[in-house]
Protein backbone atom coordinates (compact mmCIF):
# COMPACT_ATOMS: atom_id res chain seq x y z
CA MET A 1 -9.39 180.21 172.98
CA GLU A 2 -7.10 180.42 169.96
CA TYR A 3 -3.88 182.40 170.27
CA ILE A 4 -1.83 183.29 167.20
CA ILE A 5 1.76 184.31 167.82
CA TYR A 6 4.55 184.92 165.31
CA SER A 7 8.23 184.17 165.89
CA GLU A 8 11.19 184.95 163.61
CA ASN A 9 13.28 182.08 164.92
CA ILE A 10 11.52 179.00 163.48
CA LYS A 11 13.76 177.30 160.94
CA CYS A 12 13.19 173.53 161.04
CA ALA A 13 11.25 170.58 162.39
CA GLY A 14 13.49 170.61 165.48
CA CYS A 15 12.27 174.12 166.26
CA VAL A 16 8.68 172.94 165.88
CA SER A 17 9.33 170.07 168.28
CA ASN A 18 10.98 172.43 170.78
CA ILE A 19 8.00 174.80 170.67
CA LYS A 20 5.45 171.99 171.05
CA ASN A 21 7.36 170.53 174.00
CA ALA A 22 7.70 173.91 175.76
CA LEU A 23 4.03 174.80 175.35
CA GLY A 24 2.86 171.27 176.08
CA GLU A 25 4.24 171.64 179.61
CA LEU A 26 1.79 174.46 180.36
CA ASP A 27 -1.49 173.54 182.04
CA GLY A 28 -4.39 174.66 179.90
CA VAL A 29 -2.68 174.27 176.51
CA HIS A 30 -4.69 171.83 174.40
CA ALA A 31 -3.08 171.93 170.94
CA VAL A 32 -0.21 173.64 169.15
CA SER A 33 0.48 173.94 165.43
CA VAL A 34 3.46 175.67 163.85
CA ALA A 35 3.97 176.93 160.29
CA ILE A 36 7.73 177.09 159.69
CA GLU A 37 7.53 179.26 156.57
CA SER A 38 5.50 182.07 158.15
CA GLY A 39 6.67 181.68 161.73
CA ARG A 40 3.04 181.39 162.81
CA ILE A 41 2.26 179.50 166.00
CA THR A 42 -1.38 178.69 166.66
CA ILE A 43 -2.25 177.61 170.17
CA ASP A 44 -5.58 176.28 171.44
CA ALA A 45 -5.57 177.01 175.17
CA ASP A 46 -7.60 178.25 178.09
CA ASP A 47 -8.35 181.97 178.42
CA ASN A 48 -5.81 184.29 180.05
CA LEU A 49 -2.73 182.20 179.19
CA ARG A 50 -1.17 184.52 176.59
CA THR A 51 1.50 185.92 178.94
CA ARG A 52 2.54 182.44 180.08
CA ILE A 53 2.63 181.22 176.47
CA VAL A 54 4.81 184.12 175.30
CA THR A 55 7.14 183.61 178.28
CA ALA A 56 7.47 179.88 177.54
CA LEU A 57 8.21 180.61 173.88
CA ALA A 58 10.92 183.13 174.78
CA SER A 59 12.46 180.69 177.25
CA SER A 60 12.59 178.03 174.54
CA GLY A 61 14.48 180.36 172.17
CA HIS A 62 11.48 181.40 170.08
CA PRO A 63 10.46 184.89 171.25
CA GLU A 64 7.42 186.62 169.87
CA LYS A 65 8.13 188.68 166.78
CA PRO A 66 7.58 192.40 167.47
CA ARG A 67 4.44 193.75 165.83
CA THR A 68 4.93 196.37 163.17
């Protein structure tokens, strides 16, 4: 399943690395790509992992951007 999550706090390649490391520790996450400019995080992972993914992002300093 593909999850798309936006974060306001992605500013550099270090942020990208931090996000990939945090999500890579979760069982069931297969791939992560991050677009710095848009703050878009695309995650290929097993079904029903969205809550765990969002929690891991927040813990790594990259909380989900509130939807407007």
